[in-house]
Protein backbone atom coordinates (compact mmCIF):
# COMPACT_ATOMS: atom_id res chain seq x y z
CA SER A 1 44.82 -40.00 -4.66
CA GLU A 2 42.92 -36.91 -5.87
CA LEU A 3 45.36 -34.23 -4.77
CA PRO A 4 48.31 -32.89 -6.77
CA GLU A 5 51.60 -34.75 -6.44
CA ASP A 6 53.36 -31.60 -5.24
CA VAL A 7 50.90 -30.87 -2.41
CA ALA A 8 52.88 -29.75 0.65
CA VAL A 9 51.97 -30.16 4.33
CA ARG A 10 52.84 -28.24 7.46
CA SER A 11 51.87 -29.19 11.02
CA PHE A 12 51.64 -26.72 13.88
CA ARG A 13 50.47 -29.31 16.37
CA ALA A 14 52.58 -30.01 19.44
CA ASP A 15 53.35 -33.49 18.06
CA ARG A 16 54.20 -31.97 14.64
CA ASP A 17 52.29 -34.81 12.94
CA PRO A 18 51.18 -33.58 9.49
CA ALA A 19 48.84 -36.58 9.10
CA ALA A 20 47.00 -36.03 12.38
CA GLY A 21 43.30 -35.41 12.00
CA GLU A 22 40.70 -36.98 9.74
CA ASP A 23 39.61 -37.24 6.10
CA HIS A 24 37.55 -34.05 6.37
CA GLY A 25 40.46 -31.76 5.48
CA ALA A 26 41.56 -33.89 2.55
CA ALA A 27 38.01 -33.87 1.16
CA CYS A 28 37.97 -30.07 1.35
CA ALA A 29 41.34 -29.89 -0.40
CA GLU A 30 40.04 -32.15 -3.19
CA ILE A 31 37.28 -29.65 -3.96
CA VAL A 32 39.77 -26.78 -4.24
CA TYR A 33 41.91 -28.90 -6.54
CA ASP A 34 38.92 -29.85 -8.72
CA ILE A 35 38.16 -26.16 -9.32
CA ALA A 36 41.70 -24.74 -9.48
CA PRO A 37 43.97 -27.66 -10.48
CA ASP A 38 46.97 -25.45 -11.25
CA ALA A 39 47.06 -23.76 -7.85
CA LYS A 40 49.98 -24.52 -5.55
CA MET A 41 48.45 -26.10 -2.47
CA TRP A 42 49.58 -26.33 1.14
CA LEU A 43 47.72 -28.28 3.84
CA ALA A 44 48.18 -27.15 7.44
CA ASN A 45 46.84 -28.47 10.74
CA PHE A 46 46.65 -27.27 14.35
CA SER A 47 44.77 -28.17 17.53
CA SER A 48 44.73 -25.11 19.81
CA GLU A 49 44.37 -21.33 19.73
CA GLY A 50 48.12 -20.87 20.16
CA GLU A 51 48.91 -23.26 17.30
CA HIS A 52 46.32 -21.45 15.20
CA ARG A 53 48.21 -18.18 15.73
CA ASP A 54 51.47 -19.87 14.73
CA ALA A 55 49.80 -21.13 11.55
CA VAL A 56 48.49 -17.67 10.67
CA ASN A 57 51.91 -16.10 11.26
CA TRP A 58 53.33 -18.65 8.83
CA ILE A 59 50.56 -17.89 6.31
CA LEU A 60 51.45 -14.20 6.50
CA ALA A 61 55.14 -14.97 5.99
CA GLN A 62 54.38 -17.12 2.92
CA LYS A 63 52.07 -14.45 1.44
CA PHE A 64 49.42 -16.95 0.40
CA ASP A 65 46.61 -15.63 -1.80
CA VAL A 66 43.72 -17.73 -0.43
CA VAL A 67 42.94 -19.72 2.70
CA SER A 68 40.14 -22.30 2.60
CA TYR A 69 39.00 -22.65 6.22
CA SER A 70 36.36 -25.30 6.92
CA VAL A 71 36.71 -24.89 10.68
CA GLY A 72 34.33 -23.40 13.24
CA TRP A 73 34.87 -22.41 16.86
CA ILE A 74 32.24 -21.99 19.60
CA ASN A 75 32.60 -19.74 22.68
CA ALA A 76 35.76 -18.24 21.17
CA GLY A 77 34.54 -14.65 20.94
CA ASP A 78 31.66 -12.21 21.20
CA GLY A 79 30.33 -12.71 17.67
CA LYS A 80 31.29 -9.15 16.69
CA GLY A 81 34.53 -10.07 14.94
CA THR A 82 36.75 -10.00 18.02
CA GLY A 83 38.46 -12.81 19.94
CA PRO A 84 41.69 -14.75 19.32
CA ILE A 85 40.59 -16.67 16.22
CA SER A 86 38.76 -13.80 14.51
CA GLU A 87 41.70 -11.54 15.32
CA ASP A 88 44.02 -13.96 13.49
CA VAL A 89 41.72 -13.87 10.48
CA ARG A 90 41.53 -10.08 10.53
CA ARG A 91 45.33 -9.84 10.52
CA ALA A 92 45.56 -12.19 7.54
CA ALA A 93 42.86 -10.33 5.61
CA ASP A 94 44.49 -6.97 6.34
CA ASN A 95 47.68 -8.37 4.83
CA GLY A 96 45.98 -9.29 1.55
CA THR A 97 44.93 -12.92 2.09
CA ALA A 98 41.44 -13.95 0.98
CA TRP A 99 40.22 -15.89 4.04
CA VAL A 100 37.23 -18.05 3.10
CA ALA A 101 35.48 -19.36 6.23
CA ALA A 102 32.62 -21.81 6.76
CA ALA A 103 29.53 -20.21 8.31
CA GLY A 104 28.81 -23.35 10.36
CA ASN A 105 26.09 -26.00 10.42
CA ASN A 106 24.27 -24.84 13.54
CA ALA A 107 21.09 -23.08 12.40
CA LEU A 108 18.93 -25.90 13.82
CA ALA A 109 21.02 -26.32 16.97
CA HIS A 110 21.11 -22.75 18.25
CA PHE A 111 19.19 -20.65 20.74
CA ILE A 112 19.59 -17.00 21.63
CA GLY A 113 17.40 -14.94 23.94
CA GLU A 114 17.34 -12.87 27.10
CA PHE A 115 17.52 -14.65 30.47
CA ASN A 116 13.92 -14.94 31.65
CA ASP A 117 12.89 -16.06 35.15
CA PRO A 118 9.26 -15.06 35.81
CA ASP A 119 8.93 -17.29 38.90
CA GLU A 120 12.24 -15.98 40.30
CA ASP A 121 13.56 -19.44 41.20
CA GLY A 122 16.97 -18.74 39.59
CA TRP A 123 16.38 -21.00 36.55
CA MET A 124 15.87 -19.63 33.05
CA GLU A 125 12.47 -20.21 31.45
CA PHE A 126 12.62 -20.74 27.68
CA PRO A 127 9.99 -19.33 25.28
CA ASN A 128 7.92 -22.54 25.37
CA GLY A 129 7.49 -22.15 29.15
CA SER A 130 9.92 -24.93 30.12
CA GLU A 131 13.11 -24.59 32.16
CA PHE A 132 14.62 -27.40 30.03
CA LEU A 133 15.90 -26.90 26.48
CA SER A 134 15.85 -30.36 24.90
CA TRP A 135 17.03 -32.25 21.82
CA THR A 136 17.26 -35.85 20.57
CA VAL A 137 20.58 -37.69 20.20
CA PRO A 138 21.05 -40.99 18.32
CA ALA A 139 22.55 -43.94 20.18
CA LEU A 140 26.31 -43.76 20.82
CA THR A 141 26.51 -40.23 19.38
CA ARG A 142 28.48 -37.62 21.29
CA THR A 143 26.56 -34.60 22.46
CA GLY A 144 27.14 -31.43 24.45
CA ALA A 145 26.13 -27.83 24.92
CA TYR A 146 28.00 -24.51 24.86
CA LEU A 147 26.71 -21.40 26.61
CA ASN A 148 27.85 -17.79 26.37
CA TRP A 149 26.25 -14.45 27.20
CA ASP A 150 26.71 -10.79 26.28
CA ASP A 151 29.18 -9.69 28.94
CA TRP A 152 32.59 -10.19 27.32
CA GLY A 153 33.96 -6.80 28.27
CA THR A 154 36.57 -5.04 26.14
CA TRP A 155 38.71 -6.88 23.59
CA ASN A 156 42.47 -6.18 23.69
CA SER A 157 44.07 -7.13 20.36
CA ARG A 158 47.56 -6.77 21.84
CA THR A 159 47.09 -9.24 24.70
CA TYR A 160 44.48 -11.37 22.86
CA GLU A 161 42.12 -11.18 25.84
CA TYR A 162 38.75 -9.81 26.88
CA SER A 163 38.48 -7.83 30.11
CA GLY A 164 35.93 -10.39 31.29
CA SER A 165 32.53 -10.84 32.88
CA SER A 166 31.07 -10.12 36.30
CA GLN A 167 27.70 -11.74 35.45
CA ASP A 168 27.79 -15.35 36.65
CA PHE A 169 25.57 -18.06 35.08
CA ASP A 170 25.90 -21.86 35.21
CA LEU A 171 25.00 -24.68 32.79
CA TYR A 172 23.53 -28.09 33.67
CA LEU A 173 23.17 -31.14 31.38
CA TYR A 174 20.45 -33.81 31.76
CA VAL A 175 19.44 -37.05 30.03
CA GLN A 176 15.90 -38.42 30.09
CA GLU A 177 15.50 -41.85 31.68
CA GLU A 178 12.10 -43.48 32.28
CA GLY A 179 10.34 -40.19 31.68
CA ALA A 180 12.42 -38.17 34.15
CA TRP A 181 15.39 -35.84 33.71
CA ARG A 182 18.63 -37.07 35.34
CA LEU A 183 21.47 -34.62 35.93
CA VAL A 184 24.70 -35.93 34.37
CA ASP A 185 27.07 -32.95 34.34
CA GLN A 186 27.44 -29.27 35.12
CA SER A 187 29.65 -26.35 34.18
CA VAL A 188 29.80 -23.89 37.07
CA GLY A 189 32.89 -21.78 36.47
CA ALA A 190 33.04 -18.47 38.29
CA GLN A 191 32.68 -15.12 36.52
CA THR A 192 34.05 -12.56 38.97
CA GLY A 193 34.97 -9.79 36.55
CA ILE A 194 37.95 -11.27 34.70
CA GLN A 195 36.72 -14.59 33.25
CA TRP A 196 35.06 -15.04 29.87
CA PRO A 197 31.24 -15.38 29.91
CA ILE A 198 31.20 -19.02 28.84
CA GLU A 199 30.25 -22.45 30.16
CA ASP A 200 30.44 -25.73 28.23
CA ILE A 201 29.75 -29.45 28.63
CA PHE A 202 30.69 -31.99 25.95
CA ASP A 203 31.57 -35.61 25.10
CA TRP A 204 28.53 -37.31 26.59
CA SER A 205 26.62 -40.15 24.92
CA SER A 206 23.99 -42.80 25.60
CA PRO A 207 23.87 -46.47 24.48
CA ARG A 208 20.38 -45.77 23.11
CA THR A 209 18.65 -42.90 21.33
CA ALA A 210 17.69 -40.46 24.06
CA SER A 211 16.42 -36.99 24.85
CA TRP A 212 18.96 -34.62 26.37
CA ALA A 213 18.45 -31.16 27.85
CA VAL A 214 20.16 -28.24 29.52
CA ARG A 215 19.10 -25.76 32.17
CA ILE A 216 20.65 -22.34 32.83
CA ARG A 217 20.94 -21.00 36.37
CA LYS A 218 21.61 -17.41 37.38
CA LYS A 219 24.23 -17.74 40.08
CA SER A 220 25.20 -14.11 40.63
CA ALA A 221 24.11 -11.48 38.11
CA THR A 222 22.82 -7.93 38.25
CA ARG A 223 21.04 -8.04 34.89
CA ASN A 224 19.29 -10.50 32.61
CA CYS A 225 21.99 -11.10 30.01
CA ARG A 226 21.34 -12.35 26.50
CA MET A 227 21.96 -16.12 26.56
CA GLU A 228 23.33 -18.01 23.56
CA LEU A 229 23.40 -21.82 23.35
CA PHE A 230 24.91 -24.13 20.76
CA VAL A 231 24.18 -27.87 20.87
CA ASP A 232 26.02 -30.67 19.06
CA GLY A 233 25.09 -34.26 18.30
CA ASN A 234 21.37 -33.60 17.80
CA SER A 235 19.50 -35.52 15.12
CA SER A 236 16.83 -32.87 14.58
CA GLU A 237 15.94 -29.28 15.42
CA ILE A 238 16.33 -28.40 19.11
CA ALA A 239 13.42 -27.06 21.14
CA ASN A 240 13.14 -23.25 21.03
CA ASN A 241 15.47 -23.16 18.05
CA VAL A 242 16.62 -19.72 16.79
CA PRO A 243 18.52 -19.91 13.45
CA ARG A 244 19.34 -16.19 13.49
CA GLU A 245 22.91 -15.26 14.56
CA SER A 246 24.04 -18.89 14.57
CA LEU A 247 27.37 -18.21 12.83
CA LEU A 248 30.43 -19.98 14.15
CA ILE A 249 33.74 -18.18 14.64
CA PRO A 250 35.55 -16.87 12.58
CA ALA A 251 32.66 -16.45 10.13
CA ASP A 252 31.96 -13.26 12.10
CA ALA A 253 35.42 -11.80 11.37
CA ALA A 254 35.37 -8.52 9.46
CA GLY A 255 37.96 -9.80 6.99
CA ALA A 256 36.44 -13.24 6.42
CA ILE A 257 34.44 -14.27 3.36
CA SER A 258 31.77 -16.34 5.10
CA VAL A 259 30.14 -19.19 3.20
CA GLY A 260 26.74 -20.83 3.63
CA ALA A 261 25.63 -24.12 2.04
CA VAL A 262 23.08 -24.84 -0.69
CA HIS A 263 22.39 -28.08 -2.55
CA TRP A 264 24.54 -28.62 -5.63
CA SER A 265 21.55 -29.57 -7.79
CA ASN A 266 19.38 -26.48 -7.37
CA ASP A 267 21.22 -23.82 -5.32
CA GLN A 268 18.51 -24.05 -2.64
CA ARG A 269 19.01 -24.09 1.13
CA GLU A 270 15.69 -25.73 2.04
CA PRO A 271 14.94 -28.37 3.02
CA TYR A 272 18.16 -30.37 3.18
CA HIS A 273 20.48 -27.48 3.96
CA ALA A 274 18.37 -25.72 6.59
CA TYR A 275 21.23 -26.45 9.00
CA SER A 276 23.43 -23.81 7.33
CA SER A 277 24.24 -21.16 9.95
CA GLN A 278 22.69 -17.75 9.51
CA GLY A 279 23.68 -14.18 10.31
CA PRO A 280 23.85 -11.39 10.98
CA THR A 281 26.83 -10.94 13.28
CA LYS A 282 26.19 -9.71 16.82
CA ASP A 283 27.04 -6.17 15.68
CA GLY A 284 24.59 -6.34 12.78
CA ARG A 285 26.81 -7.07 9.77
CA ILE A 286 25.33 -9.20 6.98
CA LYS A 287 26.97 -12.62 6.87
CA PRO A 288 27.42 -15.06 5.24
CA GLU A 289 28.23 -13.09 2.11
CA ILE A 290 27.86 -16.02 -0.28
CA SER A 291 26.62 -19.62 -0.48
CA ALA A 292 28.09 -22.50 -2.45
CA PRO A 293 27.40 -26.16 -3.33
CA SER A 294 27.22 -28.96 -0.78
CA GLY A 295 26.15 -32.60 -0.96
CA VAL A 296 28.99 -33.37 -3.35
CA THR A 297 31.22 -36.44 -3.67
CA THR A 298 34.96 -36.71 -3.04
CA LYS A 299 37.44 -39.57 -2.97
CA SER A 300 38.45 -38.89 0.64
CA TRP A 301 34.84 -38.90 1.88
CA GLY A 302 34.15 -42.24 0.16
CA THR A 303 30.60 -43.24 -0.72
CA ARG A 304 29.06 -40.59 1.53
CA ASN A 305 27.93 -37.28 0.08
CA PHE A 306 29.94 -34.44 1.60
CA PHE A 307 27.42 -32.05 3.14
CA GLY A 308 27.84 -28.88 5.15
CA THR A 309 29.39 -25.45 4.92
CA SER A 310 32.72 -27.30 5.11
CA ALA A 311 32.05 -28.61 1.60
CA ALA A 312 30.73 -25.24 0.38
CA THR A 313 33.76 -23.25 1.55
CA PRO A 314 36.44 -24.81 -0.71
CA HIS A 315 34.19 -24.20 -3.73
CA VAL A 316 34.46 -20.46 -3.05
CA ALA A 317 38.18 -20.63 -2.22
CA GLY A 318 38.84 -22.58 -5.43
CA ALA A 319 36.85 -20.10 -7.49
CA ILE A 320 38.87 -17.19 -6.10
CA ALA A 321 42.12 -19.03 -6.84
CA LEU A 322 40.94 -19.78 -10.39
CA LEU A 323 40.02 -16.16 -11.05
CA ARG A 324 43.38 -15.08 -9.67
CA GLN A 325 45.18 -17.49 -12.04
CA LYS A 326 43.16 -17.04 -15.21
CA THR A 327 42.35 -13.30 -15.19
CA SER A 328 44.16 -10.05 -14.67
CA LEU A 329 42.01 -9.32 -11.63
CA SER A 330 43.73 -8.64 -8.34
CA LEU A 331 42.45 -10.17 -5.13
CA ALA A 332 40.98 -6.79 -4.21
CA ASP A 333 39.10 -6.76 -7.55
CA ILE A 334 37.80 -10.27 -7.01
CA LEU A 335 36.65 -9.64 -3.47
């Protein structure tokens, strides 16, 4: 009820259902509309990398000025602006579209550091001396962990593939029961020189609030790679947390305008917005470039305040659209 009557929709999902998804996207669109009410607005959805590429090809064909992108991907690239999703964003930006991307909400749920195994038992030891990286998950809340390491190989923008990794590491997920860690799942895909350097475990939960943890095992590697972990579902900061370089993809894309979150009342990140993902990118570029308000209200989100870089991003996209409408500035001038 708070979007323009002429809003148009386009689905790139296999089921072609334009209504598929959740109220998150509508809440983001409301913010754009609040700031730039005269802008012509399209809403698009997708659910896979291939559908994402179809959507971007359509965006290029329509010659849209601005894309508001409150979406983040994990394990979808090397963090240096390459990979299928970041490549899509680069193409759009190179063709004159202002692509405004959420930085992510993972600053408190991120670890990065070199594989360390002083006792040579094959299991990584984290900086606090434990082989378990732990976090707390509320009852009935989904949780998981996503691991990647710095052995992606060469990115080929024509085939949309990396050459792959020959350093093989595995990921194991545990839940704490009666003071002991119980193994519940594992991700042990092979890296033989052609596979991506990723492992992931997701969609686990407990009927009660519980501690969860992961361990990393070196299966077959000739060097101690730099490990990166993202965790979801945690209610507080994970053990051994490293906020630096916690950007989600495609906030790392060279053509993206990456957006962090601050509170609407005072433009401050701390303490309530400490979750906002931080840069730089893995190749040292400063991102996010800008921060914007979060903790706002929308009709779609109901009585809840809409927090996160998802809420911040459409503020920036709407501001760019408004400047484009109301001034003689070109997109290049604005950016």
